[in-house]
Amino acid sequence: MITDVVISGGGPNGLMLACELSLAGVRPLVLERLPEPSEEPKANGLLGQVVRMLDHRGLHERLSGSPEPPRPNSAYFMFGAMGLDLSLLEDSPVHALPVPQRRIVQVLRERAVELGVEIRWGHEVAGLSQEQDGDAVTVDVAGPEGEYRLRARYLVGADGAHSTTRKLSGIGFPGVTYDRMTVRSAHATVPAGRIDPATGALNVPGHGAVMPFLPHRTEHGGFSYAPMPGHPPLVSTTEWDQPATEAPMSLEELRASVRRVLGVDVPLGPPEGRGPHVLRRLTGGNTRVAERFADGRVFLIGDAAHVYSATGGGPGLNLGLQDAVNLGWKLAAEIRGSAPSGLLDTYETERRSAARRMVLNAQAQAALIAPGDDVTGLREVFAELLRDPGAVRRLAELTAGADVRYDMGEPAPHPLTGRFAPDLELHTPAGPVRLAELTRTARPLLLDLTEGAWLAETPALRHGQVDVVAARSQAPAPTALLLRPDCHVAWASSSPRPDPTEIEALRAALRRWFGVTEPAHA
């Protein structure tokens, strides 16, 4: 069998990539080693830019259950178990969507099937070889009825931190393994009288209030309380240098850990409601980035390309799902034969930079939550810095991934160039619309807000490679934006009528990203 792209892994990242490829007219095949979607509790939500990205694909409403667009958290957040007062900012960059990973998989699976994607449950990559002519990769697959072979234009490993695809490709996974940290987590109940009805905080007599969802550090470890909607609260502790044990995890073990961390007992009862419920102990962790994200016709996304020690899976999904969106349109253009030279190479350049930022984020937070008097002193100094709105913004953008800015090749780029598209409320001849609603097709888009829609009449945009929308905006906004399918700004202008230098930059952006060679203006 010959197919365009084989995706190894049917988790959120693999399914997101399958959706992106299908939107671009490419036929993907997803192989998932599990016989059916996992019910194992994993990530409890999405954090950062990916929440806005999903809105730009029409998936936010499905996940949130509300037609309202994503709203940023403008009150309070955390960095290294220290408060970030987001009310100090005019506009917060932090978005969060509390939804369990199994629901994320369900929604992405449903969307993939709507787009015609074939998903083979119980099938996994067992071997691969790249053909000498460089036109395909041969994949050996182990399935319920035995082994078989596929030929594909490309193979993408979305198969997690222990990626078989990465190992079979001979791609190294250098980094650091940490073995001092033990994290215990469990769904549990707490007496209703311990919950503050106004703030949702957990009142711990003898210690104080612990705000929901926000990690809390003491001299002896970390503690968090996360009351997920529709589920029993998730209680977690972090400790260092704990003795090794082979005993199964228990709720009593978590109670004892809470007592050591907080110095007092917290009455934790067994969880209520439908499971499966979390009851786990994790020792150690890894921070690793693959030596390369591509090897010939093999690509890596998500945890197959990068892992890092951090609390919660939200930031990891933020990174991995955006890997998928970044790679999808580029791989599709290469398959269709419309990709300009070097386009696929930018996947590694751009996403490796984003991965390094996330690793930096994880390392900085790990240093701030570690035990010891010296760390406590560091935190006191850091707390003083967090009274500065500029410092709060920098850390909020780092946490959300909103500080990622791709190099678009312009010598003097517009402030928006390279960044994720801004939120804009627009007025078009068809009526009011949000910019996010114009990107659901995952096609290149030129938004023309110039006087008289001057740019919309340019010859290069009459050939169909780029969608053009003329609109007006009441709020202050750029006058023109060229968006890549991943919703990052490839070119922008704030001039009522772009000057020749800006037009030349637009022409260069059209060539570089979409292979459009016609002049951008007559």
Protein backbone atom coordinates (compact mmCIF):
# COMPACT_ATOMS: atom_id res chain seq x y z
CA MET A 1 0.00 0.00 0.00
CA ILE A 2 1.22 3.48 -0.87
CA THR A 3 0.02 6.48 1.12
CA ASP A 4 1.08 10.09 1.51
CA VAL A 5 1.90 10.14 5.21
CA VAL A 6 1.95 7.46 7.90
CA ILE A 7 1.55 8.89 11.40
CA SER A 8 2.79 6.66 14.22
CA GLY A 9 0.67 7.54 17.25
CA GLY A 10 -3.02 8.28 17.67
CA GLY A 11 -2.75 10.62 20.65
CA PRO A 12 -3.54 14.34 20.51
CA ASN A 13 -0.45 15.28 18.47
CA GLY A 14 -0.84 12.56 15.85
CA LEU A 15 -4.55 13.24 15.44
CA MET A 16 -3.97 16.99 15.17
CA LEU A 17 -1.42 16.42 12.43
CA ALA A 18 -3.84 14.12 10.62
CA CYS A 19 -6.48 16.85 10.68
CA GLU A 20 -4.05 19.46 9.37
CA LEU A 21 -2.88 17.25 6.51
CA SER A 22 -6.45 16.40 5.56
CA LEU A 23 -7.43 20.06 5.47
CA ALA A 24 -4.57 20.56 3.01
CA GLY A 25 -5.79 17.73 0.75
CA VAL A 26 -3.23 15.12 1.80
CA ARG A 27 -4.10 11.54 2.74
CA PRO A 28 -2.70 10.50 6.14
CA LEU A 29 -2.91 7.10 7.79
CA VAL A 30 -2.74 6.93 11.59
CA LEU A 31 -1.32 3.85 13.35
CA GLU A 32 -2.03 3.53 17.08
CA ARG A 33 -0.61 0.62 19.06
CA LEU A 34 -3.46 0.68 21.60
CA PRO A 35 -6.52 -1.36 20.59
CA GLU A 36 -8.83 1.52 21.57
CA PRO A 37 -8.55 5.07 22.94
CA SER A 38 -6.96 5.14 26.38
CA GLU A 39 -9.08 5.97 29.42
CA GLU A 40 -5.99 6.53 31.54
CA PRO A 41 -6.08 9.96 33.20
CA LYS A 42 -3.25 12.12 31.84
CA ALA A 43 -3.25 15.85 31.16
CA ASN A 44 -6.10 17.80 32.75
CA GLY A 45 -6.26 20.61 30.24
CA LEU A 46 -4.60 22.85 27.72
CA LEU A 47 -2.49 25.86 28.54
CA GLY A 48 -1.06 28.62 26.39
CA GLN A 49 -1.18 29.57 22.75
CA VAL A 50 -2.58 26.21 21.69
CA VAL A 51 -5.96 27.23 23.16
CA ARG A 52 -6.11 30.06 20.63
CA MET A 53 -4.78 27.76 17.91
CA LEU A 54 -7.64 25.34 18.44
CA ASP A 55 -10.07 28.26 18.21
CA HIS A 56 -8.54 29.09 14.83
CA ARG A 57 -9.51 25.58 13.69
CA GLY A 58 -13.02 25.65 15.12
CA LEU A 59 -12.19 23.12 17.85
CA HIS A 60 -12.38 25.33 20.92
CA GLU A 61 -16.19 25.28 20.99
CA ARG A 62 -16.23 21.48 20.77
CA LEU A 63 -13.80 21.18 23.66
CA SER A 64 -15.22 23.90 25.89
CA GLY A 65 -18.88 23.22 25.17
CA SER A 66 -19.42 26.96 24.75
CA PRO A 67 -19.72 29.14 21.63
CA GLU A 68 -17.77 31.87 23.44
CA PRO A 69 -14.23 32.42 22.15
CA PRO A 70 -11.30 31.77 24.48
CA ARG A 71 -10.82 34.39 27.15
CA PRO A 72 -7.44 34.99 28.77
CA ASN A 73 -6.83 34.52 32.46
CA SER A 74 -6.56 38.10 33.69
CA ALA A 75 -6.41 37.49 37.43
CA TYR A 76 -3.82 35.11 38.79
CA PHE A 77 -1.34 32.52 37.62
CA MET A 78 1.84 30.85 38.83
CA PHE A 79 5.49 30.51 37.88
CA GLY A 80 7.64 28.22 39.99
CA ALA A 81 4.85 28.10 42.61
CA MET A 82 5.02 31.89 42.86
CA GLY A 83 2.09 34.14 42.09
CA LEU A 84 1.89 36.06 38.82
CA ASP A 85 -0.57 38.90 39.27
CA LEU A 86 -1.98 39.09 35.74
CA SER A 87 -4.20 42.00 36.73
CA LEU A 88 -1.07 44.15 36.42
CA LEU A 89 -1.23 43.60 32.64
CA GLU A 90 -3.48 45.42 30.20
CA ASP A 91 -3.93 42.20 28.25
CA SER A 92 -3.01 38.78 29.60
CA PRO A 93 -1.32 36.28 27.25
CA VAL A 94 -2.35 33.26 29.36
CA HIS A 95 -5.20 31.06 28.11
CA ALA A 96 -6.32 27.86 29.79
CA LEU A 97 -8.89 25.24 28.86
CA PRO A 98 -9.66 22.68 31.59
CA VAL A 99 -10.55 19.53 29.68
CA PRO A 100 -9.17 16.01 30.28
CA GLN A 101 -6.85 14.51 27.69
CA ARG A 102 -9.23 11.67 26.86
CA ARG A 103 -11.80 14.30 25.82
CA ILE A 104 -9.18 16.08 23.71
CA VAL A 105 -8.43 12.78 21.96
CA GLN A 106 -12.13 12.12 21.45
CA VAL A 107 -12.76 15.50 19.83
CA LEU A 108 -9.68 15.28 17.60
CA ARG A 109 -10.55 11.71 16.63
CA GLU A 110 -14.07 12.74 15.66
CA ARG A 111 -12.73 15.64 13.62
CA ALA A 112 -10.18 13.42 11.89
CA VAL A 113 -12.86 10.90 10.92
CA GLU A 114 -15.03 13.74 9.57
CA LEU A 115 -12.11 14.69 7.34
CA GLY A 116 -11.74 11.13 6.04
CA VAL A 117 -8.69 10.03 8.07
CA GLU A 118 -8.18 6.29 8.53
CA ILE A 119 -7.13 5.31 12.05
CA ARG A 120 -5.90 1.76 12.64
CA TRP A 121 -6.18 0.77 16.29
CA GLY A 122 -3.88 -1.97 17.52
CA HIS A 123 -1.29 -1.31 14.78
CA GLU A 124 2.24 -0.11 15.50
CA VAL A 125 5.44 0.57 13.63
CA ALA A 126 7.85 -2.37 13.97
CA GLY A 127 10.51 -1.42 11.45
CA LEU A 128 11.35 1.10 8.76
CA SER A 129 13.76 1.77 5.95
CA GLN A 130 14.19 4.78 3.73
CA GLU A 131 14.55 3.93 0.07
CA GLN A 132 17.79 4.83 -1.65
CA ASP A 133 16.01 6.82 -4.34
CA GLY A 134 14.67 9.06 -1.57
CA ASP A 135 11.08 8.93 -2.82
CA ALA A 136 9.50 6.94 -0.01
CA VAL A 137 9.90 5.26 3.34
CA THR A 138 8.96 1.62 3.90
CA VAL A 139 7.22 0.90 7.19
CA ASP A 140 6.82 -2.56 8.72
CA VAL A 141 3.65 -2.69 10.80
CA ALA A 142 2.59 -5.16 13.47
CA GLY A 143 -1.19 -5.49 13.67
CA PRO A 144 -3.78 -7.79 15.25
CA GLU A 145 -3.70 -10.10 12.23
CA GLY A 146 0.07 -10.12 11.78
CA GLU A 147 2.73 -8.01 10.12
CA TYR A 148 2.44 -6.12 6.86
CA ARG A 149 4.30 -3.43 4.98
CA LEU A 150 3.43 0.12 3.93
CA ARG A 151 5.16 2.53 1.57
CA ALA A 152 4.66 6.19 2.34
CA ARG A 153 5.99 9.49 1.12
CA TYR A 154 6.69 10.40 4.75
CA LEU A 155 6.56 8.89 8.24
CA VAL A 156 5.87 11.07 11.30
CA GLY A 157 6.60 9.84 14.81
CA ALA A 158 3.98 11.10 17.23
CA ASP A 159 4.54 8.08 19.45
CA GLY A 160 5.64 9.65 22.70
CA ALA A 161 8.76 9.96 24.79
CA HIS A 162 9.79 6.33 24.16
CA SER A 163 9.21 6.81 20.41
CA THR A 164 9.85 3.69 18.34
CA THR A 165 10.05 5.90 15.26
CA ARG A 166 12.87 7.94 16.78
CA LYS A 167 14.78 4.85 17.85
CA LEU A 168 14.40 3.08 14.48
CA SER A 169 15.62 6.25 12.75
CA GLY A 170 18.77 6.31 14.89
CA ILE A 171 18.02 9.79 16.23
CA GLY A 172 19.64 10.44 19.59
CA PHE A 173 17.71 11.85 22.53
CA PRO A 174 20.29 13.65 24.68
CA GLY A 175 19.39 15.37 27.90
CA VAL A 176 19.29 14.99 31.65
CA THR A 177 17.55 12.44 33.86
CA TYR A 178 16.53 13.57 37.33
CA ASP A 179 16.08 10.92 40.03
CA ARG A 180 15.65 13.01 43.22
CA MET A 181 12.01 13.99 42.75
CA THR A 182 8.96 11.90 43.66
CA VAL A 183 5.49 13.06 42.59
CA ARG A 184 2.42 11.41 44.11
CA SER A 185 -1.03 12.11 42.69
CA ALA A 186 -4.53 10.82 43.35
CA HIS A 187 -8.13 11.70 42.81
CA ALA A 188 -9.55 12.15 46.30
CA THR A 189 -12.34 13.84 48.20
CA VAL A 190 -12.02 16.47 50.92
CA PRO A 191 -14.72 17.58 53.38
CA ALA A 192 -16.98 20.22 51.83
CA GLY A 193 -16.47 22.44 54.86
CA ARG A 194 -12.78 22.78 53.98
CA ILE A 195 -13.55 24.54 50.66
CA ASP A 196 -13.96 28.32 50.58
CA PRO A 197 -17.13 28.90 48.51
CA ALA A 198 -15.92 32.30 47.33
CA THR A 199 -12.43 31.40 46.12
CA GLY A 200 -12.48 27.61 45.87
CA ALA A 201 -9.41 27.51 48.11
CA LEU A 202 -8.72 24.47 50.27
CA ASN A 203 -8.51 25.58 53.90
CA VAL A 204 -5.86 23.61 55.77
CA PRO A 205 -6.05 24.31 59.54
CA GLY A 206 -2.59 24.82 60.94
CA HIS A 207 -1.19 25.77 57.54
CA GLY A 208 -3.50 28.15 55.69
CA ALA A 209 -5.45 28.39 52.44
CA VAL A 210 -4.22 26.66 49.28
CA MET A 211 -5.63 28.16 46.08
CA PRO A 212 -7.04 25.69 43.54
CA PHE A 213 -4.91 24.67 40.53
CA LEU A 214 -1.89 26.65 41.76
CA PRO A 215 1.22 24.74 42.94
CA HIS A 216 2.18 25.52 46.52
CA ARG A 217 5.78 25.20 47.80
CA THR A 218 6.96 24.66 51.34
CA GLU A 219 10.44 23.95 52.73
CA HIS A 220 9.61 20.26 52.55
CA GLY A 221 8.09 19.93 49.07
CA GLY A 222 5.19 20.91 46.89
CA PHE A 223 1.42 20.52 47.11
CA SER A 224 -1.45 21.18 44.71
CA TYR A 225 -5.21 20.84 44.76
CA ALA A 226 -7.06 20.77 41.42
CA PRO A 227 -10.87 20.47 41.53
CA MET A 228 -11.57 19.62 37.88
CA PRO A 229 -15.19 20.22 36.81
CA GLY A 230 -17.16 16.99 36.79
CA HIS A 231 -14.36 15.01 38.43
CA PRO A 232 -13.09 14.47 41.97
CA PRO A 233 -10.25 16.81 42.96
CA LEU A 234 -6.72 15.81 41.97
CA VAL A 235 -4.33 16.12 44.91
CA SER A 236 -0.58 15.99 44.29
CA THR A 237 2.64 16.28 46.28
CA THR A 238 6.27 16.65 45.26
CA GLU A 239 9.13 15.55 47.49
CA TRP A 240 12.86 15.12 47.13
CA ASP A 241 15.18 12.25 48.05
CA GLN A 242 12.45 9.83 49.06
CA PRO A 243 13.42 6.19 49.77
CA ALA A 244 12.72 3.81 46.90
CA THR A 245 9.78 1.45 47.25
CA GLU A 246 8.19 -1.31 45.21
CA ALA A 247 4.91 -1.13 47.13
CA PRO A 248 1.85 -0.10 45.12
CA MET A 249 0.74 3.48 45.52
CA SER A 250 -2.05 4.05 48.03
CA LEU A 251 -4.18 6.89 49.31
CA GLU A 252 -2.59 6.46 52.75
CA GLU A 253 0.84 7.04 51.17
CA LEU A 254 -0.43 10.31 49.70
CA ARG A 255 -1.87 11.34 53.07
CA ALA A 256 1.51 10.74 54.70
CA SER A 257 3.24 12.73 51.95
CA VAL A 258 0.82 15.66 52.45
CA ARG A 259 1.59 15.55 56.19
CA ARG A 260 5.33 15.82 55.52
CA VAL A 261 4.94 18.64 52.96
CA LEU A 262 2.38 20.80 54.78
CA GLY A 263 3.19 19.78 58.34
CA VAL A 264 -0.46 18.93 59.11
CA ASP A 265 -2.99 16.27 58.16
CA VAL A 266 -5.49 16.78 55.37
CA PRO A 267 -8.47 14.38 55.47
CA LEU A 268 -8.41 12.77 52.03
CA GLY A 269 -11.13 10.27 51.19
CA PRO A 270 -11.51 7.90 48.23
CA PRO A 271 -12.77 9.45 44.99
CA GLU A 272 -16.40 9.44 44.02
CA GLY A 273 -18.00 8.98 40.63
CA ARG A 274 -17.01 7.21 37.45
CA GLY A 275 -13.35 6.36 36.94
CA PRO A 276 -10.76 5.62 35.98
CA HIS A 277 -9.17 7.57 38.81
CA VAL A 278 -5.58 8.66 39.24
CA LEU A 279 -3.51 6.88 41.89
CA ARG A 280 0.15 7.02 40.95
CA ARG A 281 3.69 7.63 42.06
CA LEU A 282 6.26 8.98 39.61
CA THR A 283 9.94 9.02 40.48
CA GLY A 284 12.40 11.13 38.54
CA GLY A 285 11.93 12.79 35.21
CA ASN A 286 13.67 13.71 31.99
CA THR A 287 14.48 16.85 30.07
CA ARG A 288 15.54 15.85 26.57
CA VAL A 289 15.48 17.25 23.04
CA ALA A 290 16.06 15.05 19.99
CA GLU A 291 19.32 15.53 18.09
CA ARG A 292 17.22 16.36 15.06
CA PHE A 293 13.50 16.58 14.39
CA ALA A 294 13.82 15.16 10.88
CA ASP A 295 15.82 12.42 9.21
CA GLY A 296 15.21 12.19 5.48
CA ARG A 297 11.52 11.40 5.15
CA VAL A 298 10.97 10.80 8.86
CA PHE A 299 9.79 13.57 11.20
CA LEU A 300 9.20 13.77 14.95
CA ILE A 301 6.58 15.79 16.80
CA GLY A 302 5.52 16.17 20.43
CA ASP A 303 7.14 14.05 23.12
CA ALA A 304 8.94 12.03 20.45
CA ALA A 305 10.98 15.19 19.79
CA HIS A 306 11.19 16.76 23.25
CA VAL A 307 10.30 16.04 26.87
CA TYR A 308 10.90 18.07 29.98
CA SER A 309 10.28 17.69 33.67
CA ALA A 310 7.35 19.87 34.67
CA THR A 311 4.15 19.74 36.65
CA GLY A 312 1.10 18.93 34.53
CA GLY A 313 0.67 17.99 30.89
CA GLY A 314 -0.88 21.23 29.65
CA PRO A 315 2.39 22.92 28.61
CA GLY A 316 3.54 19.71 26.89
CA LEU A 317 0.40 19.57 24.79
CA ASN A 318 0.83 23.27 24.02
CA LEU A 319 4.21 22.47 22.51
CA GLY A 320 3.30 19.21 20.77
CA LEU A 321 0.04 20.30 19.16
CA GLN A 322 1.77 23.34 17.72
CA ASP A 323 4.50 21.06 16.33
CA ALA A 324 1.71 19.30 14.45
CA VAL A 325 0.21 22.52 13.10
CA ASN A 326 3.64 23.83 12.07
CA LEU A 327 4.58 20.64 10.22
CA GLY A 328 1.21 19.88 8.66
CA TRP A 329 0.95 22.64 6.06
CA LYS A 330 4.63 22.42 5.14
CA LEU A 331 4.53 18.67 4.61
CA ALA A 332 1.33 19.01 2.57
CA ALA A 333 2.90 21.66 0.34
CA GLU A 334 5.90 19.40 -0.27
CA ILE A 335 3.64 16.49 -1.22
CA ARG A 336 1.55 18.67 -3.55
CA GLY A 337 4.71 19.98 -5.19
CA SER A 338 3.98 23.60 -4.31
CA ALA A 339 6.53 24.04 -1.51
CA PRO A 340 9.30 26.57 -2.14
CA SER A 341 12.86 25.37 -1.61
CA GLY A 342 13.78 24.89 2.04
CA LEU A 343 10.25 25.10 3.42
CA LEU A 344 10.41 21.73 5.20
CA ASP A 345 13.71 22.68 6.81
CA THR A 346 11.98 25.49 8.68
CA TYR A 347 9.99 22.95 10.71
CA GLU A 348 13.05 21.96 12.71
CA THR A 349 14.43 25.49 12.91
CA GLU A 350 11.21 26.95 14.26
CA ARG A 351 10.07 24.16 16.54
CA ARG A 352 13.50 23.44 18.02
CA SER A 353 13.64 27.07 19.10
CA ALA A 354 10.21 26.71 20.73
CA ALA A 355 11.28 23.49 22.45
CA ARG A 356 14.36 25.18 23.88
CA ARG A 357 12.19 27.93 25.31
CA MET A 358 9.97 25.35 26.99
CA VAL A 359 12.99 23.55 28.41
CA LEU A 360 14.25 26.87 29.77
CA ASN A 361 10.83 27.42 31.32
CA ALA A 362 10.88 23.99 32.99
CA GLN A 363 14.44 24.35 34.28
CA ALA A 364 13.77 27.78 35.76
CA GLN A 365 10.62 26.61 37.53
CA ALA A 366 12.35 23.47 38.84
CA ALA A 367 15.05 25.65 40.40
CA LEU A 368 12.45 27.82 42.13
CA ILE A 369 10.51 24.95 43.70
CA ALA A 370 13.52 22.97 44.96
CA PRO A 371 14.01 22.60 48.74
CA GLY A 372 16.57 24.53 50.74
CA ASP A 373 17.17 27.87 52.45
CA ASP A 374 19.12 29.17 49.48
CA VAL A 375 16.12 28.59 47.21
CA THR A 376 13.90 30.33 49.76
CA GLY A 377 16.19 33.35 49.57
CA LEU A 378 16.06 33.27 45.78
CA ARG A 379 12.28 33.18 45.94
CA GLU A 380 12.14 36.23 48.20
CA VAL A 381 14.19 38.23 45.70
CA PHE A 382 12.13 36.84 42.83
CA ALA A 383 8.91 37.87 44.61
CA GLU A 384 10.13 41.47 44.61
CA LEU A 385 10.69 41.30 40.86
CA LEU A 386 7.16 40.00 40.35
CA ARG A 387 5.75 43.34 41.48
CA ASP A 388 6.98 44.76 38.17
CA PRO A 389 4.42 44.44 35.33
CA GLY A 390 7.25 43.99 32.84
CA ALA A 391 8.61 40.95 34.69
CA VAL A 392 5.10 39.50 35.04
CA ARG A 393 4.52 39.87 31.30
CA ARG A 394 7.81 38.21 30.39
CA LEU A 395 7.08 35.19 32.57
CA ALA A 396 3.43 34.98 31.52
CA GLU A 397 4.45 34.97 27.85
CA LEU A 398 7.12 32.35 28.52
CA THR A 399 4.60 30.13 30.31
CA ALA A 400 2.01 30.51 27.56
CA GLY A 401 4.47 30.18 24.69
CA ALA A 402 3.29 33.60 23.53
CA ASP A 403 6.90 34.79 23.28
CA VAL A 404 7.61 32.45 20.36
CA ARG A 405 8.50 34.53 17.33
CA TYR A 406 9.63 32.88 14.11
CA ASP A 407 12.24 34.45 11.86
CA MET A 408 10.41 35.44 8.69
CA GLY A 409 13.53 36.68 6.95
CA GLU A 410 12.70 40.39 6.94
CA PRO A 411 15.57 42.79 7.70
CA ALA A 412 13.26 45.20 9.57
CA PRO A 413 10.13 43.23 10.45
CA HIS A 414 6.84 44.68 11.61
CA PRO A 415 6.27 44.10 15.38
CA LEU A 416 3.68 41.41 14.55
CA THR A 417 5.79 39.54 12.01
CA GLY A 418 6.65 36.04 13.17
CA ARG A 419 4.13 36.08 16.00
CA PHE A 420 0.81 34.30 16.31
CA ALA A 421 -2.04 36.23 14.73
CA PRO A 422 -3.67 38.86 16.96
CA ASP A 423 -7.30 38.71 18.07
CA LEU A 424 -9.26 40.96 15.71
CA GLU A 425 -12.96 41.72 15.40
CA LEU A 426 -13.62 42.45 11.73
CA HIS A 427 -16.39 43.82 9.54
CA THR A 428 -16.66 42.26 6.08
CA PRO A 429 -19.25 42.62 3.31
CA ALA A 430 -20.75 39.36 4.61
CA GLY A 431 -21.03 40.69 8.17
CA PRO A 432 -18.99 40.76 11.39
CA VAL A 433 -16.44 38.00 11.91
CA ARG A 434 -13.48 37.22 14.12
CA LEU A 435 -10.11 36.69 12.45
CA ALA A 436 -10.01 33.22 14.07
CA GLU A 437 -13.09 32.26 12.06
CA LEU A 438 -11.32 33.06 8.79
CA THR A 439 -8.55 30.51 9.38
CA ARG A 440 -10.65 27.35 9.80
CA THR A 441 -9.64 26.06 6.35
CA ALA A 442 -5.91 26.14 7.19
CA ARG A 443 -5.05 28.07 4.04
CA PRO A 444 -2.74 31.06 3.60
CA LEU A 445 -4.66 34.28 4.19
CA LEU A 446 -4.08 37.91 3.30
CA LEU A 447 -6.23 40.18 5.44
CA ASP A 448 -6.59 43.54 3.70
CA LEU A 449 -7.61 46.45 5.91
CA THR A 450 -6.07 49.12 3.67
CA GLU A 451 -8.00 52.10 2.37
CA GLY A 452 -10.19 50.92 -0.48
CA ALA A 453 -8.92 47.34 -0.09
CA TRP A 454 -5.94 48.32 -2.20
CA LEU A 455 -3.97 45.09 -1.71
CA ALA A 456 -6.87 42.79 -2.62
CA GLU A 457 -6.50 43.79 -6.27
CA THR A 458 -2.86 42.76 -6.64
CA PRO A 459 -2.12 40.30 -9.49
CA ALA A 460 -0.18 37.79 -7.40
CA LEU A 461 -3.24 37.13 -5.27
CA ARG A 462 -5.53 36.21 -8.17
CA HIS A 463 -4.09 32.72 -8.66
CA GLY A 464 -5.69 31.01 -5.71
CA GLN A 465 -2.64 30.14 -3.61
CA VAL A 466 -3.67 32.69 -0.98
CA ASP A 467 -7.15 33.53 0.28
CA VAL A 468 -7.81 37.27 0.37
CA VAL A 469 -10.31 38.93 2.68
CA ALA A 470 -10.98 42.67 2.61
CA ALA A 471 -12.37 44.00 5.88
CA ARG A 472 -12.55 46.87 8.31
CA SER A 473 -11.73 47.01 12.01
CA GLN A 474 -13.04 49.55 14.49
CA ALA A 475 -10.27 48.90 17.00
CA PRO A 476 -6.64 49.88 16.35
CA ALA A 477 -5.20 47.20 14.10
CA PRO A 478 -2.60 46.65 11.41
CA THR A 479 -3.74 47.54 7.92
CA ALA A 480 -2.64 44.24 6.37
CA LEU A 481 -1.61 40.78 7.55
CA LEU A 482 -0.30 37.82 5.59
CA LEU A 483 -0.92 34.67 7.64
CA ARG A 484 0.65 31.29 7.12
CA PRO A 485 -1.70 28.29 7.61
CA ASP A 486 -0.33 27.89 11.16
CA CYS A 487 -1.67 31.41 11.86
CA HIS A 488 1.75 33.00 12.32
CA VAL A 489 2.18 36.38 10.65
CA ALA A 490 4.45 36.15 7.60
CA TRP A 491 4.17 39.85 6.73
CA ALA A 492 2.36 42.86 8.15
CA SER A 493 1.85 46.55 7.53
CA SER A 494 0.38 49.44 9.51
CA SER A 495 0.38 51.89 6.60
CA PRO A 496 -2.92 53.06 5.08
CA ARG A 497 -1.31 52.20 1.75
CA PRO A 498 1.92 50.12 1.95
CA ASP A 499 4.95 51.79 0.43
CA PRO A 500 7.25 50.15 -2.19
CA THR A 501 9.57 48.76 0.49
CA GLU A 502 6.66 47.05 2.23
CA ILE A 503 5.34 45.72 -1.07
CA GLU A 504 8.74 44.21 -1.82
CA ALA A 505 8.67 42.55 1.62
CA LEU A 506 5.20 41.17 0.82
CA ARG A 507 6.50 39.86 -2.50
CA ALA A 508 9.39 38.15 -0.69
CA ALA A 509 7.05 36.59 1.88
CA LEU A 510 4.77 35.21 -0.84
CA ARG A 511 7.78 33.63 -2.56
CA ARG A 512 9.40 32.30 0.60
CA TRP A 513 6.38 30.66 2.18
CA PHE A 514 3.99 29.85 -0.66
CA GLY A 515 6.07 29.80 -3.82
CA VAL A 516 4.14 32.70 -5.37
CA THR A 517 6.48 34.27 -7.92
CA GLU A 518 4.24 36.84 -9.63
CA PRO A 519 4.82 40.49 -8.69
CA ALA A 520 2.81 41.52 -5.67
CA HIS A 521 1.53 44.71 -7.29
CA ALA A 522 1.13 45.86 -10.82
